[in-house]
Amino acid sequence: MDKYELMRDIGSGNFGVARLMRNKETRELVAMKYIERGYKIDENVAREIINHRSLRHPNIIRFKKVVLTPTHLTIIMEYAAGGELFID
């Protein structure tokens, strides 16, 4: 996680916070979703990670890496600059 620098927070919700980070070596922007370890991480989160990691399509955000720290599950994914998607 030391190879990334924080740019800014880009969202938060019931399950955690998303931050815009930059890879210090490549300068690539990524989104990191932090989910606090504990009851919030259940079989639904595990299933989402397993399913999403296998998706390969130009219109779907790709998961790059999943990191488990002592306090959080962190999902590193492509950054989409278009903002949040709300469906009514």
N, C-alpha and C. Protein backbone atom coordinates (compact mmCIF):
# COMPACT_ATOMS: atom_id res chain seq x y z
N MET A 1 0.82 -1.19 0.00
CA MET A 1 0.00 0.00 0.00
C MET A 1 0.87 1.26 0.00
N ASP A 2 2.14 1.12 0.31
CA ASP A 2 3.04 2.28 0.34
C ASP A 2 3.32 2.83 -1.04
N LYS A 3 3.00 2.07 -2.08
CA LYS A 3 3.31 2.56 -3.42
C LYS A 3 2.23 3.50 -3.96
N TYR A 4 1.21 3.81 -3.15
CA TYR A 4 0.14 4.71 -3.56
C TYR A 4 0.11 5.95 -2.69
N GLU A 5 -0.25 7.08 -3.31
CA GLU A 5 -0.43 8.31 -2.55
C GLU A 5 -1.88 8.76 -2.66
N LEU A 6 -2.41 9.27 -1.56
CA LEU A 6 -3.79 9.72 -1.51
C LEU A 6 -3.96 11.01 -2.29
N MET A 7 -4.96 11.03 -3.17
CA MET A 7 -5.30 12.25 -3.90
C MET A 7 -6.48 12.94 -3.20
N ARG A 8 -7.58 12.17 -3.01
CA ARG A 8 -8.75 12.71 -2.31
C ARG A 8 -9.76 11.60 -2.07
N ASP A 9 -10.68 11.83 -1.15
CA ASP A 9 -11.81 10.92 -0.96
C ASP A 9 -12.79 11.16 -2.10
N ILE A 10 -13.36 10.07 -2.62
CA ILE A 10 -14.30 10.22 -3.74
C ILE A 10 -15.69 9.67 -3.43
N GLY A 11 -15.87 9.07 -2.27
CA GLY A 11 -17.20 8.59 -1.91
C GLY A 11 -17.19 7.83 -0.61
N SER A 12 -18.38 7.70 -0.04
CA SER A 12 -18.53 6.90 1.17
C SER A 12 -19.94 6.36 1.22
N GLY A 13 -20.11 5.31 1.99
CA GLY A 13 -21.42 4.68 2.09
C GLY A 13 -21.50 3.84 3.34
N ASN A 14 -22.49 2.96 3.36
CA ASN A 14 -22.71 2.10 4.53
C ASN A 14 -21.57 1.13 4.76
N PHE A 15 -20.87 0.74 3.69
CA PHE A 15 -19.87 -0.31 3.82
C PHE A 15 -18.44 0.20 3.87
N GLY A 16 -18.21 1.47 3.60
CA GLY A 16 -16.84 1.94 3.65
C GLY A 16 -16.66 3.26 2.92
N VAL A 17 -15.42 3.50 2.53
CA VAL A 17 -15.05 4.74 1.86
C VAL A 17 -14.25 4.42 0.61
N ALA A 18 -14.39 5.26 -0.40
CA ALA A 18 -13.60 5.11 -1.63
C ALA A 18 -12.67 6.31 -1.75
N ARG A 19 -11.44 6.04 -2.11
CA ARG A 19 -10.44 7.09 -2.23
C ARG A 19 -9.75 7.02 -3.58
N LEU A 20 -9.48 8.19 -4.13
CA LEU A 20 -8.69 8.28 -5.36
C LEU A 20 -7.23 8.27 -4.95
N MET A 21 -6.47 7.32 -5.51
CA MET A 21 -5.06 7.17 -5.17
C MET A 21 -4.24 7.19 -6.46
N ARG A 22 -2.96 7.54 -6.34
CA ARG A 22 -2.07 7.52 -7.49
C ARG A 22 -0.88 6.63 -7.19
N ASN A 23 -0.59 5.75 -8.15
CA ASN A 23 0.58 4.89 -8.05
C ASN A 23 1.81 5.77 -8.17
N LYS A 24 2.69 5.73 -7.18
CA LYS A 24 3.87 6.60 -7.16
C LYS A 24 4.85 6.30 -8.30
N GLU A 25 4.89 5.06 -8.76
CA GLU A 25 5.83 4.68 -9.82
C GLU A 25 5.27 4.97 -11.21
N THR A 26 4.02 4.55 -11.46
CA THR A 26 3.45 4.65 -12.81
C THR A 26 2.61 5.90 -13.01
N ARG A 27 2.23 6.58 -11.92
CA ARG A 27 1.36 7.76 -11.92
C ARG A 27 -0.08 7.42 -12.31
N GLU A 28 -0.40 6.13 -12.39
CA GLU A 28 -1.75 5.69 -12.73
C GLU A 28 -2.70 6.00 -11.58
N LEU A 29 -3.90 6.52 -11.90
CA LEU A 29 -4.93 6.77 -10.91
C LEU A 29 -5.75 5.50 -10.73
N VAL A 30 -6.03 5.17 -9.48
CA VAL A 30 -6.88 4.03 -9.15
C VAL A 30 -7.86 4.45 -8.07
N ALA A 31 -8.94 3.71 -7.97
CA ALA A 31 -9.89 3.90 -6.88
C ALA A 31 -9.66 2.78 -5.88
N MET A 32 -9.62 3.12 -4.61
CA MET A 32 -9.48 2.12 -3.56
C MET A 32 -10.71 2.19 -2.67
N LYS A 33 -11.36 1.04 -2.55
CA LYS A 33 -12.55 0.92 -1.70
C LYS A 33 -12.12 0.23 -0.41
N TYR A 34 -12.30 0.92 0.71
CA TYR A 34 -11.92 0.40 2.02
C TYR A 34 -13.18 -0.05 2.75
N ILE A 35 -13.21 -1.33 3.12
CA ILE A 35 -14.32 -1.88 3.89
C ILE A 35 -13.75 -2.34 5.23
N GLU A 36 -14.30 -1.80 6.31
CA GLU A 36 -13.82 -2.16 7.64
C GLU A 36 -14.04 -3.65 7.89
N ARG A 37 -13.02 -4.30 8.43
CA ARG A 37 -13.14 -5.73 8.72
C ARG A 37 -14.15 -5.95 9.83
N GLY A 38 -14.83 -7.07 9.75
CA GLY A 38 -15.83 -7.40 10.77
C GLY A 38 -17.09 -7.92 10.11
N TYR A 39 -18.22 -7.63 10.74
CA TYR A 39 -19.49 -8.19 10.28
C TYR A 39 -19.88 -7.71 8.88
N LYS A 40 -19.35 -6.56 8.43
CA LYS A 40 -19.71 -6.04 7.10
C LYS A 40 -19.14 -6.89 5.97
N ILE A 41 -18.09 -7.62 6.26
CA ILE A 41 -17.49 -8.49 5.25
C ILE A 41 -18.13 -9.86 5.41
N ASP A 42 -19.01 -10.19 4.49
CA ASP A 42 -19.71 -11.47 4.56
C ASP A 42 -19.60 -12.20 3.23
N GLU A 43 -20.41 -13.23 3.06
CA GLU A 43 -20.34 -14.02 1.83
C GLU A 43 -20.73 -13.22 0.59
N ASN A 44 -21.54 -12.17 0.74
CA ASN A 44 -21.91 -11.33 -0.40
C ASN A 44 -20.70 -10.55 -0.91
N VAL A 45 -19.90 -10.02 0.00
CA VAL A 45 -18.68 -9.29 -0.40
C VAL A 45 -17.71 -10.25 -1.06
N ALA A 46 -17.54 -11.42 -0.49
CA ALA A 46 -16.64 -12.42 -1.07
C ALA A 46 -17.10 -12.81 -2.46
N ARG A 47 -18.40 -13.03 -2.64
CA ARG A 47 -18.94 -13.40 -3.95
C ARG A 47 -18.74 -12.28 -4.96
N GLU A 48 -18.96 -11.02 -4.53
CA GLU A 48 -18.75 -9.89 -5.43
C GLU A 48 -17.31 -9.83 -5.91
N ILE A 49 -16.37 -10.04 -5.00
CA ILE A 49 -14.95 -9.99 -5.37
C ILE A 49 -14.61 -11.11 -6.35
N ILE A 50 -15.04 -12.31 -6.04
CA ILE A 50 -14.75 -13.46 -6.92
C ILE A 50 -15.35 -13.25 -8.31
N ASN A 51 -16.60 -12.83 -8.37
CA ASN A 51 -17.25 -12.62 -9.66
C ASN A 51 -16.65 -11.46 -10.43
N HIS A 52 -16.42 -10.35 -9.76
CA HIS A 52 -15.94 -9.15 -10.43
C HIS A 52 -14.51 -9.33 -10.96
N ARG A 53 -13.67 -10.07 -10.25
CA ARG A 53 -12.29 -10.28 -10.69
C ARG A 53 -12.22 -11.03 -12.01
N SER A 54 -13.24 -11.83 -12.30
CA SER A 54 -13.22 -12.63 -13.53
C SER A 54 -13.80 -11.89 -14.74
N LEU A 55 -14.43 -10.74 -14.52
CA LEU A 55 -15.04 -9.99 -15.63
C LEU A 55 -13.98 -9.28 -16.46
N ARG A 56 -14.12 -9.38 -17.79
CA ARG A 56 -13.23 -8.68 -18.71
C ARG A 56 -14.08 -8.07 -19.81
N HIS A 57 -14.36 -6.77 -19.67
CA HIS A 57 -15.19 -6.08 -20.66
C HIS A 57 -14.80 -4.61 -20.61
N PRO A 58 -14.73 -3.93 -21.77
CA PRO A 58 -14.29 -2.53 -21.77
C PRO A 58 -15.22 -1.57 -21.02
N ASN A 59 -16.47 -1.96 -20.79
CA ASN A 59 -17.42 -1.08 -20.10
C ASN A 59 -17.62 -1.42 -18.63
N ILE A 60 -16.79 -2.31 -18.10
CA ILE A 60 -16.88 -2.70 -16.69
C ILE A 60 -15.57 -2.37 -15.99
N ILE A 61 -15.67 -1.69 -14.86
CA ILE A 61 -14.49 -1.36 -14.05
C ILE A 61 -13.79 -2.66 -13.65
N ARG A 62 -12.48 -2.72 -13.82
CA ARG A 62 -11.73 -3.93 -13.48
C ARG A 62 -11.14 -3.84 -12.08
N PHE A 63 -11.27 -4.93 -11.35
CA PHE A 63 -10.56 -5.05 -10.08
C PHE A 63 -9.11 -5.35 -10.40
N LYS A 64 -8.20 -4.65 -9.76
CA LYS A 64 -6.79 -4.89 -9.96
C LYS A 64 -6.21 -5.79 -8.87
N LYS A 65 -6.62 -5.55 -7.64
CA LYS A 65 -6.05 -6.29 -6.52
C LYS A 65 -6.97 -6.17 -5.31
N VAL A 66 -6.94 -7.17 -4.46
CA VAL A 66 -7.65 -7.14 -3.19
C VAL A 66 -6.59 -7.33 -2.10
N VAL A 67 -6.59 -6.43 -1.12
CA VAL A 67 -5.59 -6.46 -0.05
C VAL A 67 -6.31 -6.53 1.29
N LEU A 68 -5.89 -7.45 2.13
CA LEU A 68 -6.45 -7.57 3.47
C LEU A 68 -5.44 -7.02 4.47
N THR A 69 -5.83 -5.97 5.20
CA THR A 69 -4.98 -5.39 6.23
C THR A 69 -5.55 -5.79 7.59
N PRO A 70 -4.86 -5.48 8.67
CA PRO A 70 -5.41 -5.81 9.99
C PRO A 70 -6.76 -5.15 10.27
N THR A 71 -7.05 -4.03 9.63
CA THR A 71 -8.29 -3.31 9.93
C THR A 71 -9.29 -3.25 8.77
N HIS A 72 -8.84 -3.44 7.53
CA HIS A 72 -9.71 -3.25 6.37
C HIS A 72 -9.48 -4.29 5.28
N LEU A 73 -10.52 -4.49 4.49
CA LEU A 73 -10.42 -5.17 3.21
C LEU A 73 -10.36 -4.04 2.19
N THR A 74 -9.34 -4.00 1.37
CA THR A 74 -9.16 -2.93 0.40
C THR A 74 -9.23 -3.50 -1.00
N ILE A 75 -10.12 -2.93 -1.82
CA ILE A 75 -10.26 -3.35 -3.21
C ILE A 75 -9.67 -2.24 -4.08
N ILE A 76 -8.65 -2.59 -4.85
CA ILE A 76 -8.01 -1.64 -5.75
C ILE A 76 -8.57 -1.89 -7.14
N MET A 77 -9.13 -0.83 -7.76
CA MET A 77 -9.78 -0.99 -9.05
C MET A 77 -9.49 0.19 -9.96
N GLU A 78 -9.81 0.02 -11.23
CA GLU A 78 -9.65 1.12 -12.18
C GLU A 78 -10.45 2.32 -11.68
N TYR A 79 -9.97 3.51 -12.03
CA TYR A 79 -10.67 4.73 -11.66
C TYR A 79 -11.47 5.22 -12.85
N ALA A 80 -12.76 5.47 -12.64
CA ALA A 80 -13.63 6.04 -13.66
C ALA A 80 -13.99 7.45 -13.21
N ALA A 81 -13.59 8.44 -13.98
CA ALA A 81 -13.73 9.83 -13.58
C ALA A 81 -15.14 10.39 -13.75
N GLY A 82 -16.09 9.57 -14.21
CA GLY A 82 -17.43 10.07 -14.51
C GLY A 82 -18.31 10.36 -13.32
N GLY A 83 -17.91 10.02 -12.12
CA GLY A 83 -18.72 10.26 -10.94
C GLY A 83 -19.55 9.06 -10.56
N GLU A 84 -20.45 9.27 -9.59
CA GLU A 84 -21.28 8.18 -9.08
C GLU A 84 -22.41 7.86 -10.04
N LEU A 85 -22.88 6.63 -10.00
CA LEU A 85 -24.00 6.18 -10.80
C LEU A 85 -25.19 5.98 -9.88
N PHE A 86 -26.24 6.74 -10.09
CA PHE A 86 -27.47 6.59 -9.32
C PHE A 86 -28.57 6.10 -10.22
N ILE A 87 -29.32 5.10 -9.75
CA ILE A 87 -30.44 4.58 -10.52
C ILE A 87 -31.71 4.83 -9.74
N ASP A 88 -32.69 5.43 -10.38
CA ASP A 88 -33.99 5.70 -9.72
C ASP A 88 -34.93 4.55 -9.96
